[in-house]
Amino acid sequence: MSTATSLDTLERMLAIAEYEGIDVRTEWLAGVRGGLVRIGQKAILFVDQALSVPEQLESVRAALKPLDWSETSFAGEMQDLLAG
């Protein structure tokens, strides 16, 4: 997958996550990779800017894949995006 395609996929996944109520924070995490955390009822997805776009995409896929997207407006699209 080209970097441009990876970036488009990453941006779309993050937009859907935000629309579905996940707070997305893109920060310099020094290669920690980020991930999804819950604080009370709030879900926060950390994306490490220190990683390359393909690495960010891999990290976001790993964080979002376990979630149940079946009841969301973007169920089919997110399933395709997560499948890679």
PDB file of N, CA and C in Angstrom:
ATOM      1  N   MET A   1       0.854  -1.179   0.000  1.00  0.00           N
ATOM      2  CA  MET A   1       0.000   0.000   0.000  1.00  0.00           C
ATOM      3  C   MET A   1       0.894   1.234   0.000  1.00  0.00           C
ATOM      4  N   SER A   2       0.615   2.170  -0.884  1.00  0.00           N
ATOM      5  CA  SER A   2       1.428   3.375  -0.961  1.00  0.00           C
ATOM      6  C   SER A   2       1.174   4.277   0.246  1.00  0.00           C
ATOM      7  N   THR A   3       2.114   5.174   0.501  1.00  0.00           N
ATOM      8  CA  THR A   3       1.973   6.091   1.628  1.00  0.00           C
ATOM      9  C   THR A   3       0.734   6.968   1.466  1.00  0.00           C
ATOM     10  N   ALA A   4       0.450   7.405   0.230  1.00  0.00           N
ATOM     11  CA  ALA A   4      -0.737   8.238  -0.004  1.00  0.00           C
ATOM     12  C   ALA A   4      -2.005   7.467   0.333  1.00  0.00           C
ATOM     13  N   THR A   5      -2.074   6.210  -0.104  1.00  0.00           N
ATOM     14  CA  THR A   5      -3.241   5.385   0.199  1.00  0.00           C
ATOM     15  C   THR A   5      -3.318   5.123   1.693  1.00  0.00           C
ATOM     16  N   SER A   6      -2.180   4.856   2.328  1.00  0.00           N
ATOM     17  CA  SER A   6      -2.144   4.642   3.772  1.00  0.00           C
ATOM     18  C   SER A   6      -2.641   5.872   4.510  1.00  0.00           C
ATOM     19  N   LEU A   7      -2.217   7.043   4.061  1.00  0.00           N
ATOM     20  CA  LEU A   7      -2.644   8.281   4.705  1.00  0.00           C
ATOM     21  C   LEU A   7      -4.144   8.487   4.544  1.00  0.00           C
ATOM     22  N   ASP A   8      -4.681   8.246   3.351  1.00  0.00           N
ATOM     23  CA  ASP A   8      -6.122   8.373   3.126  1.00  0.00           C
ATOM     24  C   ASP A   8      -6.894   7.417   4.034  1.00  0.00           C
ATOM     25  N   THR A   9      -6.423   6.179   4.121  1.00  0.00           N
ATOM     26  CA  THR A   9      -7.081   5.176   4.964  1.00  0.00           C
ATOM     27  C   THR A   9      -7.009   5.576   6.425  1.00  0.00           C
ATOM     28  N   LEU A  10      -5.842   6.007   6.872  1.00  0.00           N
ATOM     29  CA  LEU A  10      -5.665   6.441   8.249  1.00  0.00           C
ATOM     30  C   LEU A  10      -6.587   7.605   8.575  1.00  0.00           C
ATOM     31  N   GLU A  11      -6.602   8.613   7.723  1.00  0.00           N
ATOM     32  CA  GLU A  11      -7.449   9.789   7.966  1.00  0.00           C
ATOM     33  C   GLU A  11      -8.925   9.414   8.006  1.00  0.00           C
ATOM     34  N   ARG A  12      -9.349   8.507   7.131  1.00  0.00           N
ATOM     35  CA  ARG A  12     -10.759   8.093   7.121  1.00  0.00           C
ATOM     36  C   ARG A  12     -11.100   7.325   8.388  1.00  0.00           C
ATOM     37  N   MET A  13     -10.231   6.423   8.814  1.00  0.00           N
ATOM     38  CA  MET A  13     -10.478   5.668  10.042  1.00  0.00           C
ATOM     39  C   MET A  13     -10.571   6.597  11.251  1.00  0.00           C
ATOM     40  N   LEU A  14      -9.693   7.577  11.306  1.00  0.00           N
ATOM     41  CA  LEU A  14      -9.713   8.514  12.426  1.00  0.00           C
ATOM     42  C   LEU A  14     -10.968   9.382  12.399  1.00  0.00           C
ATOM     43  N   ALA A  15     -11.414   9.787  11.205  1.00  0.00           N
ATOM     44  CA  ALA A  15     -12.636  10.588  11.078  1.00  0.00           C
ATOM     45  C   ALA A  15     -13.853   9.787  11.551  1.00  0.00           C
ATOM     46  N   ILE A  16     -13.926   8.524  11.170  1.00  0.00           N
ATOM     47  CA  ILE A  16     -15.042   7.679  11.604  1.00  0.00           C
ATOM     48  C   ILE A  16     -14.995   7.481  13.117  1.00  0.00           C
ATOM     49  N   ALA A  17     -13.808   7.215  13.651  1.00  0.00           N
ATOM     50  CA  ALA A  17     -13.661   7.031  15.099  1.00  0.00           C
ATOM     51  C   ALA A  17     -14.142   8.273  15.844  1.00  0.00           C
ATOM     52  N   GLU A  18     -13.732   9.451  15.374  1.00  0.00           N
ATOM     53  CA  GLU A  18     -14.173  10.699  16.018  1.00  0.00           C
ATOM     54  C   GLU A  18     -15.685  10.869  15.911  1.00  0.00           C
ATOM     55  N   TYR A  19     -16.237  10.589  14.744  1.00  0.00           N
ATOM     56  CA  TYR A  19     -17.686  10.706  14.549  1.00  0.00           C
ATOM     57  C   TYR A  19     -18.437   9.789  15.523  1.00  0.00           C
ATOM     58  N   GLU A  20     -17.861   8.635  15.794  1.00  0.00           N
ATOM     59  CA  GLU A  20     -18.493   7.668  16.690  1.00  0.00           C
ATOM     60  C   GLU A  20     -18.171   7.928  18.157  1.00  0.00           C
ATOM     61  N   GLY A  21     -17.537   9.062  18.456  1.00  0.00           N
ATOM     62  CA  GLY A  21     -17.354   9.481  19.840  1.00  0.00           C
ATOM     63  C   GLY A  21     -16.010   9.176  20.474  1.00  0.00           C
ATOM     64  N   ILE A  22     -15.067   8.691  19.690  1.00  0.00           N
ATOM     65  CA  ILE A  22     -13.730   8.436  20.222  1.00  0.00           C
ATOM     66  C   ILE A  22     -12.903   9.707  20.077  1.00  0.00           C
ATOM     67  N   ASP A  23     -12.312  10.146  21.163  1.00  0.00           N
ATOM     68  CA  ASP A  23     -11.447  11.325  21.152  1.00  0.00           C
ATOM     69  C   ASP A  23     -10.099  10.912  20.573  1.00  0.00           C
ATOM     70  N   VAL A  24      -9.728  11.494  19.430  1.00  0.00           N
ATOM     71  CA  VAL A  24      -8.469  11.146  18.775  1.00  0.00           C
ATOM     72  C   VAL A  24      -7.429  12.216  19.105  1.00  0.00           C
ATOM     73  N   ARG A  25      -6.301  11.766  19.632  1.00  0.00           N
ATOM     74  CA  ARG A  25      -5.199  12.675  19.960  1.00  0.00           C
ATOM     75  C   ARG A  25      -3.948  12.225  19.227  1.00  0.00           C
ATOM     76  N   THR A  26      -3.465  13.077  18.352  1.00  0.00           N
ATOM     77  CA  THR A  26      -2.247  12.805  17.611  1.00  0.00           C
ATOM     78  C   THR A  26      -1.132  13.604  18.269  1.00  0.00           C
ATOM     79  N   GLU A  27      -0.186  12.881  18.872  1.00  0.00           N
ATOM     80  CA  GLU A  27       0.868  13.524  19.650  1.00  0.00           C
ATOM     81  C   GLU A  27       2.201  12.813  19.433  1.00  0.00           C
ATOM     82  N   TRP A  28       3.280  13.486  19.799  1.00  0.00           N
ATOM     83  CA  TRP A  28       4.609  12.872  19.756  1.00  0.00           C
ATOM     84  C   TRP A  28       4.753  12.005  20.991  1.00  0.00           C
ATOM     85  N   LEU A  29       4.789  10.687  20.778  1.00  0.00           N
ATOM     86  CA  LEU A  29       4.882   9.748  21.885  1.00  0.00           C
ATOM     87  C   LEU A  29       6.209   8.985  21.874  1.00  0.00           C
ATOM     88  N   ALA A  30       7.156   9.464  21.090  1.00  0.00           N
ATOM     89  CA  ALA A  30       8.509   8.902  21.036  1.00  0.00           C
ATOM     90  C   ALA A  30       8.528   7.406  20.715  1.00  0.00           C
ATOM     91  N   GLY A  31       7.684   7.001  19.780  1.00  0.00           N
ATOM     92  CA  GLY A  31       7.696   5.612  19.334  1.00  0.00           C
ATOM     93  C   GLY A  31       6.945   4.644  20.220  1.00  0.00           C
ATOM     94  N   VAL A  32       6.156   5.145  21.161  1.00  0.00           N
ATOM     95  CA  VAL A  32       5.387   4.287  22.064  1.00  0.00           C
ATOM     96  C   VAL A  32       4.266   3.564  21.317  1.00  0.00           C
ATOM     97  N   ARG A  33       3.857   4.055  20.172  1.00  0.00           N
ATOM     98  CA  ARG A  33       2.853   3.496  19.282  1.00  0.00           C
ATOM     99  C   ARG A  33       1.435   3.941  19.600  1.00  0.00           C
ATOM    100  N   GLY A  34       1.150   4.420  20.768  1.00  0.00           N
ATOM    101  CA  GLY A  34      -0.197   4.870  21.069  1.00  0.00           C
ATOM    102  C   GLY A  34      -1.134   3.716  21.320  1.00  0.00           C
ATOM    103  N   GLY A  35      -2.423   3.987  21.164  1.00  0.00           N
ATOM    104  CA  GLY A  35      -3.426   2.958  21.386  1.00  0.00           C
ATOM    105  C   GLY A  35      -4.698   3.565  21.940  1.00  0.00           C
ATOM    106  N   LEU A  36      -5.639   2.700  22.254  1.00  0.00           N
ATOM    107  CA  LEU A  36      -6.942   3.117  22.748  1.00  0.00           C
ATOM    108  C   LEU A  36      -6.996   2.919  24.249  1.00  0.00           C
ATOM    109  N   VAL A  37      -7.433   3.956  24.967  1.00  0.00           N
ATOM    110  CA  VAL A  37      -7.616   3.860  26.415  1.00  0.00           C
ATOM    111  C   VAL A  37      -9.012   4.369  26.753  1.00  0.00           C
ATOM    112  N   ARG A  38      -9.499   3.930  27.869  1.00  0.00           N
ATOM    113  CA  ARG A  38     -10.789   4.421  28.370  1.00  0.00           C
ATOM    114  C   ARG A  38     -10.553   5.094  29.713  1.00  0.00           C
ATOM    115  N   ILE A  39     -11.137   6.254  29.844  1.00  0.00           N
ATOM    116  CA  ILE A  39     -11.130   6.965  31.118  1.00  0.00           C
ATOM    117  C   ILE A  39     -12.596   7.183  31.446  1.00  0.00           C
ATOM    118  N   GLY A  40     -13.092   6.401  32.393  1.00  0.00           N
ATOM    119  CA  GLY A  40     -14.522   6.403  32.672  1.00  0.00           C
ATOM    120  C   GLY A  40     -15.256   5.886  31.438  1.00  0.00           C
ATOM    121  N   GLN A  41     -16.196   6.663  30.938  1.00  0.00           N
ATOM    122  CA  GLN A  41     -16.961   6.289  29.750  1.00  0.00           C
ATOM    123  C   GLN A  41     -16.335   6.809  28.460  1.00  0.00           C
ATOM    124  N   LYS A  42     -15.268   7.593  28.571  1.00  0.00           N
ATOM    125  CA  LYS A  42     -14.649   8.238  27.414  1.00  0.00           C
ATOM    126  C   LYS A  42     -13.541   7.381  26.823  1.00  0.00           C
ATOM    127  N   ALA A  43     -13.616   7.142  25.514  1.00  0.00           N
ATOM    128  CA  ALA A  43     -12.557   6.420  24.803  1.00  0.00           C
ATOM    129  C   ALA A  43     -11.636   7.443  24.146  1.00  0.00           C
ATOM    130  N   ILE A  44     -10.332   7.252  24.310  1.00  0.00           N
ATOM    131  CA  ILE A  44      -9.331   8.147  23.736  1.00  0.00           C
ATOM    132  C   ILE A  44      -8.339   7.296  22.934  1.00  0.00           C
ATOM    133  N   LEU A  45      -8.150   7.683  21.686  1.00  0.00           N
ATOM    134  CA  LEU A  45      -7.195   6.998  20.810  1.00  0.00           C
ATOM    135  C   LEU A  45      -5.973   7.889  20.650  1.00  0.00           C
ATOM    136  N   PHE A  46      -4.819   7.394  21.103  1.00  0.00           N
ATOM    137  CA  PHE A  46      -3.568   8.122  20.949  1.00  0.00           C
ATOM    138  C   PHE A  46      -2.842   7.602  19.713  1.00  0.00           C
ATOM    139  N   VAL A  47      -2.445   8.524  18.834  1.00  0.00           N
ATOM    140  CA  VAL A  47      -1.711   8.198  17.618  1.00  0.00           C
ATOM    141  C   VAL A  47      -0.352   8.873  17.717  1.00  0.00           C
ATOM    142  N   ASP A  48       0.710   8.100  17.590  1.00  0.00           N
ATOM    143  CA  ASP A  48       2.066   8.617  17.751  1.00  0.00           C
ATOM    144  C   ASP A  48       2.579   9.233  16.447  1.00  0.00           C
ATOM    145  N   GLN A  49       2.768  10.550  16.446  1.00  0.00           N
ATOM    146  CA  GLN A  49       3.288  11.264  15.275  1.00  0.00           C
ATOM    147  C   GLN A  49       4.740  10.902  14.970  1.00  0.00           C
ATOM    148  N   ALA A  50       5.440  10.299  15.923  1.00  0.00           N
ATOM    149  CA  ALA A  50       6.836   9.915  15.692  1.00  0.00           C
ATOM    150  C   ALA A  50       6.932   8.723  14.738  1.00  0.00           C
ATOM    151  N   LEU A  51       5.820   8.019  14.536  1.00  0.00           N
ATOM    152  CA  LEU A  51       5.806   6.858  13.649  1.00  0.00           C
ATOM    153  C   LEU A  51       5.539   7.279  12.210  1.00  0.00           C
ATOM    154  N   SER A  52       5.950   6.445  11.277  1.00  0.00           N
ATOM    155  CA  SER A  52       5.627   6.683   9.868  1.00  0.00           C
ATOM    156  C   SER A  52       4.119   6.479   9.666  1.00  0.00           C
ATOM    157  N   VAL A  53       3.604   6.939   8.547  1.00  0.00           N
ATOM    158  CA  VAL A  53       2.179   6.786   8.260  1.00  0.00           C
ATOM    159  C   VAL A  53       1.773   5.303   8.259  1.00  0.00           C
ATOM    160  N   PRO A  54       2.514   4.415   7.583  1.00  0.00           N
ATOM    161  CA  PRO A  54       2.131   2.997   7.644  1.00  0.00           C
ATOM    162  C   PRO A  54       2.138   2.428   9.070  1.00  0.00           C
ATOM    163  N   GLU A  55       3.091   2.862   9.889  1.00  0.00           N
ATOM    164  CA  GLU A  55       3.136   2.402  11.279  1.00  0.00           C
ATOM    165  C   GLU A  55       1.955   2.956  12.079  1.00  0.00           C
ATOM    166  N   GLN A  56       1.596   4.216  11.828  1.00  0.00           N
ATOM    167  CA  GLN A  56       0.427   4.794  12.487  1.00  0.00           C
ATOM    168  C   GLN A  56      -0.834   4.020  12.105  1.00  0.00           C
ATOM    169  N   LEU A  57      -0.947   3.705  10.810  1.00  0.00           N
ATOM    170  CA  LEU A  57      -2.105   2.961  10.330  1.00  0.00           C
ATOM    171  C   LEU A  57      -2.187   1.592  11.008  1.00  0.00           C
ATOM    172  N   GLU A  58      -1.071   0.913  11.103  1.00  0.00           N
ATOM    173  CA  GLU A  58      -1.025  -0.395  11.767  1.00  0.00           C
ATOM    174  C   GLU A  58      -1.453  -0.279  13.229  1.00  0.00           C
ATOM    175  N   SER A  59      -0.970   0.742  13.896  1.00  0.00           N
ATOM    176  CA  SER A  59      -1.297   0.962  15.303  1.00  0.00           C
ATOM    177  C   SER A  59      -2.785   1.261  15.488  1.00  0.00           C
ATOM    178  N   VAL A  60      -3.332   2.116  14.625  1.00  0.00           N
ATOM    179  CA  VAL A  60      -4.751   2.481  14.714  1.00  0.00           C
ATOM    180  C   VAL A  60      -5.622   1.267  14.404  1.00  0.00           C
ATOM    181  N   ARG A  61      -5.262   0.513  13.382  1.00  0.00           N
ATOM    182  CA  ARG A  61      -6.016  -0.720  13.070  1.00  0.00           C
ATOM    183  C   ARG A  61      -6.030  -1.652  14.280  1.00  0.00           C
ATOM    184  N   ALA A  62      -4.878  -1.852  14.896  1.00  0.00           N
ATOM    185  CA  ALA A  62      -4.781  -2.748  16.052  1.00  0.00           C
ATOM    186  C   ALA A  62      -5.651  -2.254  17.210  1.00  0.00           C
ATOM    187  N   ALA A  63      -5.725  -0.945  17.385  1.00  0.00           N
ATOM    188  CA  ALA A  63      -6.508  -0.378  18.481  1.00  0.00           C
ATOM    189  C   ALA A  63      -8.010  -0.451  18.216  1.00  0.00           C
ATOM    190  N   LEU A  64      -8.414  -0.234  16.961  1.00  0.00           N
ATOM    191  CA  LEU A  64      -9.843  -0.153  16.642  1.00  0.00           C
ATOM    192  C   LEU A  64     -10.474  -1.487  16.257  1.00  0.00           C
ATOM    193  N   LYS A  65      -9.662  -2.439  15.837  1.00  0.00           N
ATOM    194  CA  LYS A  65     -10.193  -3.723  15.352  1.00  0.00           C
ATOM    195  C   LYS A  65     -11.031  -4.464  16.396  1.00  0.00           C
ATOM    196  N   PRO A  66     -10.641  -4.480  17.665  1.00  0.00           N
ATOM    197  CA  PRO A  66     -11.437  -5.228  18.648  1.00  0.00           C
ATOM    198  C   PRO A  66     -12.811  -4.619  18.950  1.00  0.00           C
ATOM    199  N   LEU A  67     -13.039  -3.382  18.557  1.00  0.00           N
ATOM    200  CA  LEU A  67     -14.308  -2.726  18.855  1.00  0.00           C
ATOM    201  C   LEU A  67     -15.427  -3.257  17.961  1.00  0.00           C
ATOM    202  N   ASP A  68     -16.646  -3.212  18.462  1.00  0.00           N
ATOM    203  CA  ASP A  68     -17.813  -3.655  17.701  1.00  0.00           C
ATOM    204  C   ASP A  68     -18.349  -2.469  16.897  1.00  0.00           C
ATOM    205  N   TRP A  69     -18.128  -2.503  15.593  1.00  0.00           N
ATOM    206  CA  TRP A  69     -18.576  -1.430  14.704  1.00  0.00           C
ATOM    207  C   TRP A  69     -19.919  -1.748  14.054  1.00  0.00           C
ATOM    208  N   SER A  70     -20.491  -2.918  14.349  1.00  0.00           N
ATOM    209  CA  SER A  70     -21.684  -3.397  13.649  1.00  0.00           C
ATOM    210  C   SER A  70     -22.916  -2.507  13.838  1.00  0.00           C
ATOM    211  N   GLU A  71     -22.993  -1.786  14.916  1.00  0.00           N
ATOM    212  CA  GLU A  71     -24.161  -0.937  15.183  1.00  0.00           C
ATOM    213  C   GLU A  71     -23.931   0.529  14.793  1.00  0.00           C
ATOM    214  N   THR A  72     -22.842   0.806  14.097  1.00  0.00           N
ATOM    215  CA  THR A  72     -22.529   2.181  13.717  1.00  0.00           C
ATOM    216  C   THR A  72     -22.983   2.469  12.298  1.00  0.00           C
ATOM    217  N   SER A  73     -23.030   3.732  11.960  1.00  0.00           N
ATOM    218  CA  SER A  73     -23.414   4.167  10.615  1.00  0.00           C
ATOM    219  C   SER A  73     -22.409   3.726   9.559  1.00  0.00           C
ATOM    220  N   PHE A  74     -21.183   3.439   9.985  1.00  0.00           N
ATOM    221  CA  PHE A  74     -20.095   3.129   9.054  1.00  0.00           C
ATOM    222  C   PHE A  74     -19.625   1.684   9.176  1.00  0.00           C
ATOM    223  N   ALA A  75     -20.510   0.779   9.577  1.00  0.00           N
ATOM    224  CA  ALA A  75     -20.132  -0.608   9.862  1.00  0.00           C
ATOM    225  C   ALA A  75     -19.401  -1.267   8.695  1.00  0.00           C
ATOM    226  N   GLY A  76     -19.974  -1.222   7.507  1.00  0.00           N
ATOM    227  CA  GLY A  76     -19.362  -1.870   6.349  1.00  0.00           C
ATOM    228  C   GLY A  76     -18.048  -1.242   5.959  1.00  0.00           C
ATOM    229  N   GLU A  77     -18.032   0.091   5.937  1.00  0.00           N
ATOM    230  CA  GLU A  77     -16.807   0.793   5.549  1.00  0.00           C
ATOM    231  C   GLU A  77     -15.687   0.530   6.545  1.00  0.00           C
ATOM    232  N   MET A  78     -16.018   0.573   7.827  1.00  0.00           N
ATOM    233  CA  MET A  78     -14.989   0.358   8.844  1.00  0.00           C
ATOM    234  C   MET A  78     -14.485  -1.077   8.786  1.00  0.00           C
ATOM    235  N   GLN A  79     -15.353  -2.018   8.511  1.00  0.00           N
ATOM    236  CA  GLN A  79     -14.928  -3.413   8.367  1.00  0.00           C
ATOM    237  C   GLN A  79     -13.897  -3.522   7.235  1.00  0.00           C
ATOM    238  N   ASP A  80     -14.162  -2.854   6.113  1.00  0.00           N
ATOM    239  CA  ASP A  80     -13.228  -2.875   4.986  1.00  0.00           C
ATOM    240  C   ASP A  80     -11.903  -2.201   5.351  1.00  0.00           C
ATOM    241  N   LEU A  81     -11.977  -1.064   6.023  1.00  0.00           N
ATOM    242  CA  LEU A  81     -10.768  -0.329   6.401  1.00  0.00           C
ATOM    243  C   LEU A  81      -9.913  -1.128   7.387  1.00  0.00           C
ATOM    244  N   LEU A  82     -10.572  -1.779   8.327  1.00  0.00           N
ATOM    245  CA  LEU A  82      -9.847  -2.549   9.328  1.00  0.00           C
ATOM    246  C   LEU A  82      -9.233  -3.819   8.753  1.00  0.00           C
ATOM    247  N   ALA A  83      -9.844  -4.333   7.693  1.00  0.00           N
ATOM    248  CA  ALA A  83      -9.333  -5.554   7.070  1.00  0.00           C
ATOM    249  C   ALA A  83      -8.033  -5.298   6.317  1.00  0.00           C
ATOM    250  N   GLY A  84      -7.871  -4.063   5.864  1.00  0.00           N
ATOM    251  CA  GLY A  84      -6.639  -3.702   5.173  1.00  0.00           C
ATOM    252  C   GLY A  84      -6.618  -4.248   3.811  1.00  0.00           C
TER     253      GLY A  84
END
